[in-house]
Amino acid sequence: MLRSADGRGPLFWAHEAKNEEAIKMLIDAGAQEDWQDADGNTCKNFPHGQMTEYMKKLNEARQKEFEEHRKRMEEQEVSIDEDEDDDDEEEGDDNDADESDD
């Protein structure tokens, strides 16, 4: 049976939606209501509409990663070459030299 990283799957979602037809179909197909998610909850005792411990830990890890990335970005210095016209002039000088050789 297909399940997401937090251990929940179609039967959890059918219970959450209170879709009796889907629940019956999934059970008939072999899904078991005593299967547990990453926090040890089953689809019948799952706190629907609330963040699970797995979700809280995942959210905290993502927030920490975001803060570390933001800090690294702030620490980086960006130098901008404001004198872009000099490159064009140098290229023009090279072209002039090539033309004089002919």
PDB file of N, CA and C in Angstrom:
ATOM      1  N   MET A   1       0.854  -1.182   0.000  1.00  0.00           N
ATOM      2  CA  MET A   1       0.000   0.000   0.000  1.00  0.00           C
ATOM      3  C   MET A   1       0.893   1.236   0.000  1.00  0.00           C
ATOM      4  N   LEU A   2       0.550   2.187  -0.785  1.00  0.00           N
ATOM      5  CA  LEU A   2       1.292   3.445  -0.918  1.00  0.00           C
ATOM      6  C   LEU A   2       1.118   4.299   0.334  1.00  0.00           C
ATOM      7  N   ARG A   3       2.255   4.814   0.856  1.00  0.00           N
ATOM      8  CA  ARG A   3       2.199   5.673   2.035  1.00  0.00           C
ATOM      9  C   ARG A   3       3.217   6.794   1.885  1.00  0.00           C
ATOM     10  N   SER A   4       2.929   7.924   2.486  1.00  0.00           N
ATOM     11  CA  SER A   4       3.834   9.067   2.406  1.00  0.00           C
ATOM     12  C   SER A   4       4.952   8.925   3.449  1.00  0.00           C
ATOM     13  N   ALA A   5       5.883   9.886   3.453  1.00  0.00           N
ATOM     14  CA  ALA A   5       7.037   9.827   4.352  1.00  0.00           C
ATOM     15  C   ALA A   5       6.626   9.809   5.821  1.00  0.00           C
ATOM     16  N   ASP A   6       5.485  10.399   6.160  1.00  0.00           N
ATOM     17  CA  ASP A   6       5.057  10.410   7.561  1.00  0.00           C
ATOM     18  C   ASP A   6       4.271   9.148   7.930  1.00  0.00           C
ATOM     19  N   GLY A   7       4.197   8.200   7.012  1.00  0.00           N
ATOM     20  CA  GLY A   7       3.546   6.924   7.280  1.00  0.00           C
ATOM     21  C   GLY A   7       2.059   6.920   7.016  1.00  0.00           C
ATOM     22  N   ARG A   8       1.525   8.062   6.646  1.00  0.00           N
ATOM     23  CA  ARG A   8       0.090   8.134   6.349  1.00  0.00           C
ATOM     24  C   ARG A   8      -0.137   7.748   4.899  1.00  0.00           C
ATOM     25  N   GLY A   9      -1.343   7.341   4.610  1.00  0.00           N
ATOM     26  CA  GLY A   9      -1.663   6.939   3.250  1.00  0.00           C
ATOM     27  C   GLY A   9      -3.127   7.177   2.953  1.00  0.00           C
ATOM     28  N   PRO A  10      -3.597   6.601   1.872  1.00  0.00           N
ATOM     29  CA  PRO A  10      -4.976   6.831   1.432  1.00  0.00           C
ATOM     30  C   PRO A  10      -6.042   6.571   2.504  1.00  0.00           C
ATOM     31  N   LEU A  11      -5.831   5.563   3.341  1.00  0.00           N
ATOM     32  CA  LEU A  11      -6.840   5.271   4.357  1.00  0.00           C
ATOM     33  C   LEU A  11      -6.895   6.391   5.403  1.00  0.00           C
ATOM     34  N   PHE A  12      -5.746   6.943   5.754  1.00  0.00           N
ATOM     35  CA  PHE A  12      -5.721   8.098   6.672  1.00  0.00           C
ATOM     36  C   PHE A  12      -6.498   9.256   6.049  1.00  0.00           C
ATOM     37  N   TRP A  13      -6.229   9.506   4.772  1.00  0.00           N
ATOM     38  CA  TRP A  13      -6.856  10.644   4.100  1.00  0.00           C
ATOM     39  C   TRP A  13      -8.358  10.427   3.925  1.00  0.00           C
ATOM     40  N   ALA A  14      -8.762   9.188   3.677  1.00  0.00           N
ATOM     41  CA  ALA A  14     -10.196   8.888   3.560  1.00  0.00           C
ATOM     42  C   ALA A  14     -10.887   9.124   4.908  1.00  0.00           C
ATOM     43  N   HIS A  15     -10.243   8.710   5.997  1.00  0.00           N
ATOM     44  CA  HIS A  15     -10.807   8.959   7.333  1.00  0.00           C
ATOM     45  C   HIS A  15     -10.876  10.458   7.612  1.00  0.00           C
ATOM     46  N   GLU A  16      -9.813  11.164   7.238  1.00  0.00           N
ATOM     47  CA  GLU A  16      -9.782  12.610   7.473  1.00  0.00           C
ATOM     48  C   GLU A  16     -10.929  13.304   6.730  1.00  0.00           C
ATOM     49  N   ALA A  17     -11.226  12.849   5.516  1.00  0.00           N
ATOM     50  CA  ALA A  17     -12.302  13.423   4.712  1.00  0.00           C
ATOM     51  C   ALA A  17     -13.666  12.840   5.077  1.00  0.00           C
ATOM     52  N   LYS A  18     -13.665  11.860   5.984  1.00  0.00           N
ATOM     53  CA  LYS A  18     -14.908  11.171   6.375  1.00  0.00           C
ATOM     54  C   LYS A  18     -15.628  10.595   5.153  1.00  0.00           C
ATOM     55  N   ASN A  19     -14.821  10.026   4.244  1.00  0.00           N
ATOM     56  CA  ASN A  19     -15.349   9.448   3.004  1.00  0.00           C
ATOM     57  C   ASN A  19     -15.555   7.948   3.217  1.00  0.00           C
ATOM     58  N   GLU A  20     -16.758   7.600   3.648  1.00  0.00           N
ATOM     59  CA  GLU A  20     -17.080   6.208   3.975  1.00  0.00           C
ATOM     60  C   GLU A  20     -16.918   5.263   2.781  1.00  0.00           C
ATOM     61  N   GLU A  21     -17.269   5.735   1.604  1.00  0.00           N
ATOM     62  CA  GLU A  21     -17.142   4.903   0.398  1.00  0.00           C
ATOM     63  C   GLU A  21     -15.668   4.561   0.138  1.00  0.00           C
ATOM     64  N   ALA A  22     -14.802   5.559   0.251  1.00  0.00           N
ATOM     65  CA  ALA A  22     -13.367   5.325   0.038  1.00  0.00           C
ATOM     66  C   ALA A  22     -12.792   4.433   1.130  1.00  0.00           C
ATOM     67  N   ILE A  23     -13.227   4.642   2.365  1.00  0.00           N
ATOM     68  CA  ILE A  23     -12.757   3.805   3.480  1.00  0.00           C
ATOM     69  C   ILE A  23     -13.094   2.342   3.203  1.00  0.00           C
ATOM     70  N   LYS A  24     -14.329   2.079   2.838  1.00  0.00           N
ATOM     71  CA  LYS A  24     -14.754   0.701   2.551  1.00  0.00           C
ATOM     72  C   LYS A  24     -13.955   0.125   1.388  1.00  0.00           C
ATOM     73  N   MET A  25     -13.793   0.895   0.326  1.00  0.00           N
ATOM     74  CA  MET A  25     -13.061   0.418  -0.847  1.00  0.00           C
ATOM     75  C   MET A  25     -11.602   0.082  -0.476  1.00  0.00           C
ATOM     76  N   LEU A  26     -10.957   0.935   0.306  1.00  0.00           N
ATOM     77  CA  LEU A  26      -9.554   0.708   0.690  1.00  0.00           C
ATOM     78  C   LEU A  26      -9.421  -0.515   1.602  1.00  0.00           C
ATOM     79  N   ILE A  27     -10.346  -0.678   2.533  1.00  0.00           N
ATOM     80  CA  ILE A  27     -10.312  -1.855   3.411  1.00  0.00           C
ATOM     81  C   ILE A  27     -10.544  -3.120   2.600  1.00  0.00           C
ATOM     82  N   ASP A  28     -11.495  -3.073   1.668  1.00  0.00           N
ATOM     83  CA  ASP A  28     -11.744  -4.231   0.791  1.00  0.00           C
ATOM     84  C   ASP A  28     -10.515  -4.561  -0.048  1.00  0.00           C
ATOM     85  N   ALA A  29      -9.708  -3.533  -0.356  1.00  0.00           N
ATOM     86  CA  ALA A  29      -8.494  -3.743  -1.162  1.00  0.00           C
ATOM     87  C   ALA A  29      -7.307  -4.183  -0.307  1.00  0.00           C
ATOM     88  N   GLY A  30      -7.479  -4.253   1.021  1.00  0.00           N
ATOM     89  CA  GLY A  30      -6.412  -4.774   1.872  1.00  0.00           C
ATOM     90  C   GLY A  30      -5.809  -3.777   2.851  1.00  0.00           C
ATOM     91  N   ALA A  31      -6.231  -2.535   2.821  1.00  0.00           N
ATOM     92  CA  ALA A  31      -5.721  -1.561   3.794  1.00  0.00           C
ATOM     93  C   ALA A  31      -6.240  -1.937   5.178  1.00  0.00           C
ATOM     94  N   GLN A  32      -5.394  -1.728   6.163  1.00  0.00           N
ATOM     95  CA  GLN A  32      -5.781  -2.090   7.528  1.00  0.00           C
ATOM     96  C   GLN A  32      -5.824  -0.847   8.407  1.00  0.00           C
ATOM     97  N   GLU A  33      -6.890  -0.743   9.172  1.00  0.00           N
ATOM     98  CA  GLU A  33      -7.076   0.441  10.008  1.00  0.00           C
ATOM     99  C   GLU A  33      -6.136   0.487  11.203  1.00  0.00           C
ATOM    100  N   ASP A  34      -5.401  -0.582  11.451  1.00  0.00           N
ATOM    101  CA  ASP A  34      -4.461  -0.551  12.566  1.00  0.00           C
ATOM    102  C   ASP A  34      -3.030  -0.211  12.131  1.00  0.00           C
ATOM    103  N   TRP A  35      -2.827   0.101  10.844  1.00  0.00           N
ATOM    104  CA  TRP A  35      -1.511   0.553  10.389  1.00  0.00           C
ATOM    105  C   TRP A  35      -1.195   1.878  11.071  1.00  0.00           C
ATOM    106  N   GLN A  36       0.068   2.073  11.413  1.00  0.00           N
ATOM    107  CA  GLN A  36       0.461   3.259  12.157  1.00  0.00           C
ATOM    108  C   GLN A  36       1.287   4.211  11.303  1.00  0.00           C
ATOM    109  N   ASP A  37       1.166   5.500  11.614  1.00  0.00           N
ATOM    110  CA  ASP A  37       2.001   6.496  10.946  1.00  0.00           C
ATOM    111  C   ASP A  37       3.315   6.640  11.716  1.00  0.00           C
ATOM    112  N   ALA A  38       4.126   7.609  11.358  1.00  0.00           N
ATOM    113  CA  ALA A  38       5.445   7.796  11.975  1.00  0.00           C
ATOM    114  C   ALA A  38       5.356   8.124  13.460  1.00  0.00           C
ATOM    115  N   ASP A  39       4.210   8.639  13.909  1.00  0.00           N
ATOM    116  CA  ASP A  39       4.021   8.964  15.322  1.00  0.00           C
ATOM    117  C   ASP A  39       3.315   7.860  16.096  1.00  0.00           C
ATOM    118  N   GLY A  40       3.002   6.750  15.430  1.00  0.00           N
ATOM    119  CA  GLY A  40       2.327   5.640  16.091  1.00  0.00           C
ATOM    120  C   GLY A  40       0.813   5.758  16.099  1.00  0.00           C
ATOM    121  N   ASN A  41       0.254   6.726  15.388  1.00  0.00           N
ATOM    122  CA  ASN A  41      -1.192   6.885  15.306  1.00  0.00           C
ATOM    123  C   ASN A  41      -1.762   5.999  14.208  1.00  0.00           C
ATOM    124  N   THR A  42      -2.969   5.523  14.426  1.00  0.00           N
ATOM    125  CA  THR A  42      -3.689   4.822  13.373  1.00  0.00           C
ATOM    126  C   THR A  42      -4.664   5.807  12.744  1.00  0.00           C
ATOM    127  N   CYS A  43      -5.257   5.422  11.630  1.00  0.00           N
ATOM    128  CA  CYS A  43      -6.184   6.334  10.959  1.00  0.00           C
ATOM    129  C   CYS A  43      -7.416   6.616  11.802  1.00  0.00           C
ATOM    130  N   LYS A  44      -7.743   5.737  12.745  1.00  0.00           N
ATOM    131  CA  LYS A  44      -8.922   5.938  13.602  1.00  0.00           C
ATOM    132  C   LYS A  44      -8.620   6.858  14.784  1.00  0.00           C
ATOM    133  N   ASN A  45      -7.370   6.836  15.299  1.00  0.00           N
ATOM    134  CA  ASN A  45      -7.067   7.696  16.443  1.00  0.00           C
ATOM    135  C   ASN A  45      -6.181   8.888  16.060  1.00  0.00           C
ATOM    136  N   PHE A  46      -6.036   9.105  14.763  1.00  0.00           N
ATOM    137  CA  PHE A  46      -5.202  10.207  14.268  1.00  0.00           C
ATOM    138  C   PHE A  46      -5.870  11.546  14.583  1.00  0.00           C
ATOM    139  N   PRO A  47      -5.087  12.516  15.086  1.00  0.00           N
ATOM    140  CA  PRO A  47      -5.664  13.832  15.398  1.00  0.00           C
ATOM    141  C   PRO A  47      -5.832  14.672  14.135  1.00  0.00           C
ATOM    142  N   HIS A  48      -6.824  14.372  13.342  1.00  0.00           N
ATOM    143  CA  HIS A  48      -7.050  15.051  12.065  1.00  0.00           C
ATOM    144  C   HIS A  48      -7.156  16.562  12.270  1.00  0.00           C
ATOM    145  N   GLY A  49      -6.513  17.297  11.357  1.00  0.00           N
ATOM    146  CA  GLY A  49      -6.550  18.750  11.422  1.00  0.00           C
ATOM    147  C   GLY A  49      -5.509  19.337  12.356  1.00  0.00           C
ATOM    148  N   GLN A  50      -4.689  18.492  12.970  1.00  0.00           N
ATOM    149  CA  GLN A  50      -3.647  18.968  13.878  1.00  0.00           C
ATOM    150  C   GLN A  50      -2.286  18.542  13.343  1.00  0.00           C
ATOM    151  N   MET A  51      -1.274  19.310  13.693  1.00  0.00           N
ATOM    152  CA  MET A  51       0.080  18.977  13.265  1.00  0.00           C
ATOM    153  C   MET A  51       0.602  17.817  14.113  1.00  0.00           C
ATOM    154  N   THR A  52       1.099  16.777  13.463  1.00  0.00           N
ATOM    155  CA  THR A  52       1.642  15.624  14.182  1.00  0.00           C
ATOM    156  C   THR A  52       3.054  15.933  14.658  1.00  0.00           C
ATOM    157  N   GLU A  53       3.576  15.087  15.530  1.00  0.00           N
ATOM    158  CA  GLU A  53       4.956  15.265  16.003  1.00  0.00           C
ATOM    159  C   GLU A  53       5.933  15.191  14.836  1.00  0.00           C
ATOM    160  N   TYR A  54       5.688  14.269  13.902  1.00  0.00           N
ATOM    161  CA  TYR A  54       6.545  14.144  12.717  1.00  0.00           C
ATOM    162  C   TYR A  54       6.529  15.453  11.940  1.00  0.00           C
ATOM    163  N   MET A  55       5.330  16.008  11.742  1.00  0.00           N
ATOM    164  CA  MET A  55       5.209  17.249  10.994  1.00  0.00           C
ATOM    165  C   MET A  55       5.886  18.407  11.725  1.00  0.00           C
ATOM    166  N   LYS A  56       5.766  18.450  13.051  1.00  0.00           N
ATOM    167  CA  LYS A  56       6.408  19.504  13.849  1.00  0.00           C
ATOM    168  C   LYS A  56       7.928  19.430  13.700  1.00  0.00           C
ATOM    169  N   LYS A  57       8.482  18.221  13.807  1.00  0.00           N
ATOM    170  CA  LYS A  57       9.936  18.046  13.672  1.00  0.00           C
ATOM    171  C   LYS A  57      10.396  18.428  12.271  1.00  0.00           C
ATOM    172  N   LEU A  58       9.644  18.019  11.256  1.00  0.00           N
ATOM    173  CA  LEU A  58       9.987  18.359   9.883  1.00  0.00           C
ATOM    174  C   LEU A  58       9.931  19.874   9.683  1.00  0.00           C
ATOM    175  N   ASN A  59       8.914  20.509  10.219  1.00  0.00           N
ATOM    176  CA  ASN A  59       8.768  21.955  10.110  1.00  0.00           C
ATOM    177  C   ASN A  59       9.923  22.675  10.815  1.00  0.00           C
ATOM    178  N   GLU A  60      10.308  22.203  12.007  1.00  0.00           N
ATOM    179  CA  GLU A  60      11.421  22.804  12.747  1.00  0.00           C
ATOM    180  C   GLU A  60      12.730  22.658  11.967  1.00  0.00           C
ATOM    181  N   ALA A  61      12.954  21.482  11.384  1.00  0.00           N
ATOM    182  CA  ALA A  61      14.173  21.245  10.606  1.00  0.00           C
ATOM    183  C   ALA A  61      14.208  22.155   9.381  1.00  0.00           C
ATOM    184  N   ARG A  62      13.084  22.307   8.706  1.00  0.00           N
ATOM    185  CA  ARG A  62      13.034  23.180   7.532  1.00  0.00           C
ATOM    186  C   ARG A  62      13.245  24.640   7.921  1.00  0.00           C
ATOM    187  N   GLN A  63      12.677  25.055   9.060  1.00  0.00           N
ATOM    188  CA  GLN A  63      12.851  26.432   9.523  1.00  0.00           C
ATOM    189  C   GLN A  63      14.315  26.695   9.864  1.00  0.00           C
ATOM    190  N   LYS A  64      14.954  25.735  10.522  1.00  0.00           N
ATOM    191  CA  LYS A  64      16.370  25.873  10.873  1.00  0.00           C
ATOM    192  C   LYS A  64      17.220  25.967   9.601  1.00  0.00           C
ATOM    193  N   GLU A  65      16.934  25.119   8.624  1.00  0.00           N
ATOM    194  CA  GLU A  65      17.653  25.134   7.347  1.00  0.00           C
ATOM    195  C   GLU A  65      17.468  26.478   6.638  1.00  0.00           C
ATOM    196  N   PHE A  66      16.249  26.999   6.658  1.00  0.00           N
ATOM    197  CA  PHE A  66      15.968  28.288   6.033  1.00  0.00           C
ATOM    198  C   PHE A  66      16.757  29.401   6.719  1.00  0.00           C
ATOM    199  N   GLU A  67      16.774  29.404   8.052  1.00  0.00           N
ATOM    200  CA  GLU A  67      17.498  30.437   8.799  1.00  0.00           C
ATOM    201  C   GLU A  67      19.002  30.362   8.517  1.00  0.00           C
ATOM    202  N   GLU A  68      19.558  29.151   8.452  1.00  0.00           N
ATOM    203  CA  GLU A  68      20.977  28.990   8.146  1.00  0.00           C
ATOM    204  C   GLU A  68      21.286  29.495   6.739  1.00  0.00           C
ATOM    205  N   HIS A  69      20.422  29.198   5.794  1.00  0.00           N
ATOM    206  CA  HIS A  69      20.604  29.663   4.412  1.00  0.00           C
ATOM    207  C   HIS A  69      20.523  31.191   4.350  1.00  0.00           C
ATOM    208  N   ARG A  70      19.548  31.765   5.056  1.00  0.00           N
ATOM    209  CA  ARG A  70      19.386  33.220   5.077  1.00  0.00           C
ATOM    210  C   ARG A  70      20.626  33.880   5.675  1.00  0.00           C
ATOM    211  N   LYS A  71      21.158  33.301   6.731  1.00  0.00           N
ATOM    212  CA  LYS A  71      22.355  33.845   7.387  1.00  0.00           C
ATOM    213  C   LYS A  71      23.554  33.804   6.433  1.00  0.00           C
ATOM    214  N   ARG A  72      23.717  32.667   5.717  1.00  0.00           N
ATOM    215  CA  ARG A  72      24.822  32.559   4.754  1.00  0.00           C
ATOM    216  C   ARG A  72      24.683  33.604   3.649  1.00  0.00           C
ATOM    217  N   MET A  73      23.455  33.831   3.193  1.00  0.00           N
ATOM    218  CA  MET A  73      23.223  34.822   2.139  1.00  0.00           C
ATOM    219  C   MET A  73      23.568  36.227   2.625  1.00  0.00           C
ATOM    220  N   GLU A  74      23.218  36.528   3.864  1.00  0.00           N
ATOM    221  CA  GLU A  74      23.515  37.848   4.417  1.00  0.00           C
ATOM    222  C   GLU A  74      25.017  38.063   4.597  1.00  0.00           C
ATOM    223  N   GLU A  75      25.749  36.988   4.852  1.00  0.00           N
ATOM    224  CA  GLU A  75      27.187  37.095   5.079  1.00  0.00           C
ATOM    225  C   GLU A  75      27.982  37.248   3.783  1.00  0.00           C
ATOM    226  N   GLN A  76      27.378  36.870   2.686  1.00  0.00           N
ATOM    227  CA  GLN A  76      28.079  36.963   1.409  1.00  0.00           C
ATOM    228  C   GLN A  76      28.124  38.405   0.934  1.00  0.00           C
ATOM    229  N   GLU A  77      29.268  38.791   0.388  1.00  0.00           N
ATOM    230  CA  GLU A  77      29.391  40.116  -0.192  1.00  0.00           C
ATOM    231  C   GLU A  77      29.275  39.985  -1.700  1.00  0.00           C
ATOM    232  N   VAL A  78      28.590  40.916  -2.275  1.00  0.00           N
ATOM    233  CA  VAL A  78      28.416  40.917  -3.717  1.00  0.00           C
ATOM    234  C   VAL A  78      29.119  42.137  -4.267  1.00  0.00           C
ATOM    235  N   SER A  79      30.035  41.931  -5.200  1.00  0.00           N
ATOM    236  CA  SER A  79      30.696  43.071  -5.834  1.00  0.00           C
ATOM    237  C   SER A  79      30.097  43.234  -7.224  1.00  0.00           C
ATOM    238  N   ILE A  80      29.790  44.469  -7.527  1.00  0.00           N
ATOM    239  CA  ILE A  80      29.185  44.775  -8.818  1.00  0.00           C
ATOM    240  C   ILE A  80      30.177  45.609  -9.609  1.00  0.00           C
ATOM    241  N   ASP A  81      30.487  45.164 -10.807  1.00  0.00           N
ATOM    242  CA  ASP A  81      31.391  45.897 -11.684  1.00  0.00           C
ATOM    243  C   ASP A  81      30.574  46.967 -12.388  1.00  0.00           C
ATOM    244  N   GLU A  82      30.730  48.202 -11.915  1.00  0.00           N
ATOM    245  CA  GLU A  82      29.947  49.295 -12.480  1.00  0.00           C
ATOM    246  C   GLU A  82      30.582  49.863 -13.735  1.00  0.00           C
ATOM    247  N   ASP A  83      31.781  49.435 -14.075  1.00  0.00           N
ATOM    248  CA  ASP A  83      32.508  49.992 -15.211  1.00  0.00           C
ATOM    249  C   ASP A  83      32.468  49.022 -16.376  1.00  0.00           C
ATOM    250  N   GLU A  84      31.258  48.711 -16.834  1.00  0.00           N
ATOM    251  CA  GLU A  84      31.088  47.735 -17.911  1.00  0.00           C
ATOM    252  C   GLU A  84      31.514  48.285 -19.262  1.00  0.00           C
ATOM    253  N   ASP A  85      31.526  49.617 -19.434  1.00  0.00           N
ATOM    254  CA  ASP A  85      31.868  50.220 -20.723  1.00  0.00           C
ATOM    255  C   ASP A  85      33.319  49.979 -21.109  1.00  0.00           C
ATOM    256  N   ASP A  86      34.220  49.817 -20.127  1.00  0.00           N
ATOM    257  CA  ASP A  86      35.637  49.597 -20.437  1.00  0.00           C
ATOM    258  C   ASP A  86      35.840  48.326 -21.254  1.00  0.00           C
ATOM    259  N   ASP A  87      35.070  47.288 -20.966  1.00  0.00           N
ATOM    260  CA  ASP A  87      35.213  46.034 -21.713  1.00  0.00           C
ATOM    261  C   ASP A  87      34.864  46.242 -23.180  1.00  0.00           C
ATOM    262  N   ASP A  88      33.819  47.020 -23.442  1.00  0.00           N
ATOM    263  CA  ASP A  88      33.410  47.278 -24.821  1.00  0.00           C
ATOM    264  C   ASP A  88      34.484  48.057 -25.573  1.00  0.00           C
ATOM    265  N   GLU A  89      35.103  49.023 -24.890  1.00  0.00           N
ATOM    266  CA  GLU A  89      36.127  49.839 -25.543  1.00  0.00           C
ATOM    267  C   GLU A  89      37.351  48.991 -25.879  1.00  0.00           C
ATOM    268  N   GLU A  90      37.718  48.078 -24.953  1.00  0.00           N
ATOM    269  CA  GLU A  90      38.882  47.231 -25.202  1.00  0.00           C
ATOM    270  C   GLU A  90      38.631  46.320 -26.389  1.00  0.00           C
ATOM    271  N   GLU A  91      37.420  45.789 -26.503  1.00  0.00           N
ATOM    272  CA  GLU A  91      37.096  44.932 -27.639  1.00  0.00           C
ATOM    273  C   GLU A  91      37.182  45.726 -28.927  1.00  0.00           C
ATOM    274  N   GLY A  92      36.751  46.970 -28.900  1.00  0.00           N
ATOM    275  CA  GLY A  92      36.817  47.824 -30.076  1.00  0.00           C
ATOM    276  C   GLY A  92      38.255  48.088 -30.470  1.00  0.00           C
ATOM    277  N   ASP A  93      39.145  48.280 -29.478  1.00  0.00           N
ATOM    278  CA  ASP A  93      40.561  48.516 -29.756  1.00  0.00           C
ATOM    279  C   ASP A  93      41.173  47.300 -30.445  1.00  0.00           C
ATOM    280  N   ASP A  94      40.795  46.087 -30.012  1.00  0.00           N
ATOM    281  CA  ASP A  94      41.326  44.873 -30.629  1.00  0.00           C
ATOM    282  C   ASP A  94      40.880  44.784 -32.086  1.00  0.00           C
ATOM    283  N   ASN A  95      39.668  45.144 -32.362  1.00  0.00           N
ATOM    284  CA  ASN A  95      39.153  45.090 -33.724  1.00  0.00           C
ATOM    285  C   ASN A  95      39.883  46.083 -34.611  1.00  0.00           C
ATOM    286  N   ASP A  96      40.198  47.259 -34.069  1.00  0.00           N
ATOM    287  CA  ASP A  96      40.934  48.252 -34.830  1.00  0.00           C
ATOM    288  C   ASP A  96      42.310  47.734 -35.188  1.00  0.00           C
ATOM    289  N   ALA A  97      42.955  47.012 -34.256  1.00  0.00           N
ATOM    290  CA  ALA A  97      44.300  46.490 -34.503  1.00  0.00           C
ATOM    291  C   ALA A  97      44.243  45.438 -35.595  1.00  0.00           C
ATOM    292  N   ASP A  98      43.197  44.599 -35.590  1.00  0.00           N
ATOM    293  CA  ASP A  98      43.080  43.556 -36.617  1.00  0.00           C
ATOM    294  C   ASP A  98      42.887  44.189 -38.003  1.00  0.00           C
ATOM    295  N   GLU A  99      42.137  45.258 -38.071  1.00  0.00           N
ATOM    296  CA  GLU A  99      41.869  45.908 -39.352  1.00  0.00           C
ATOM    297  C   GLU A  99      43.119  46.542 -39.915  1.00  0.00           C
ATOM    298  N   SER A 100      44.009  47.082 -39.057  1.00  0.00           N
ATOM    299  CA  SER A 100      45.215  47.751 -39.550  1.00  0.00           C
ATOM    300  C   SER A 100      46.218  46.750 -40.101  1.00  0.00           C
ATOM    301  N   ASP A 101      46.170  45.491 -39.669  1.00  0.00           N
ATOM    302  CA  ASP A 101      47.092  44.475 -40.179  1.00  0.00           C
ATOM    303  C   ASP A 101      46.772  44.097 -41.614  1.00  0.00           C
ATOM    304  N   ASP A 102      45.518  44.254 -42.039  1.00  0.00           N
ATOM    305  CA  ASP A 102      45.125  43.846 -43.390  1.00  0.00           C
ATOM    306  C   ASP A 102      45.645  44.712 -44.442  1.00  0.00           C
TER     307      ASP A 102
END
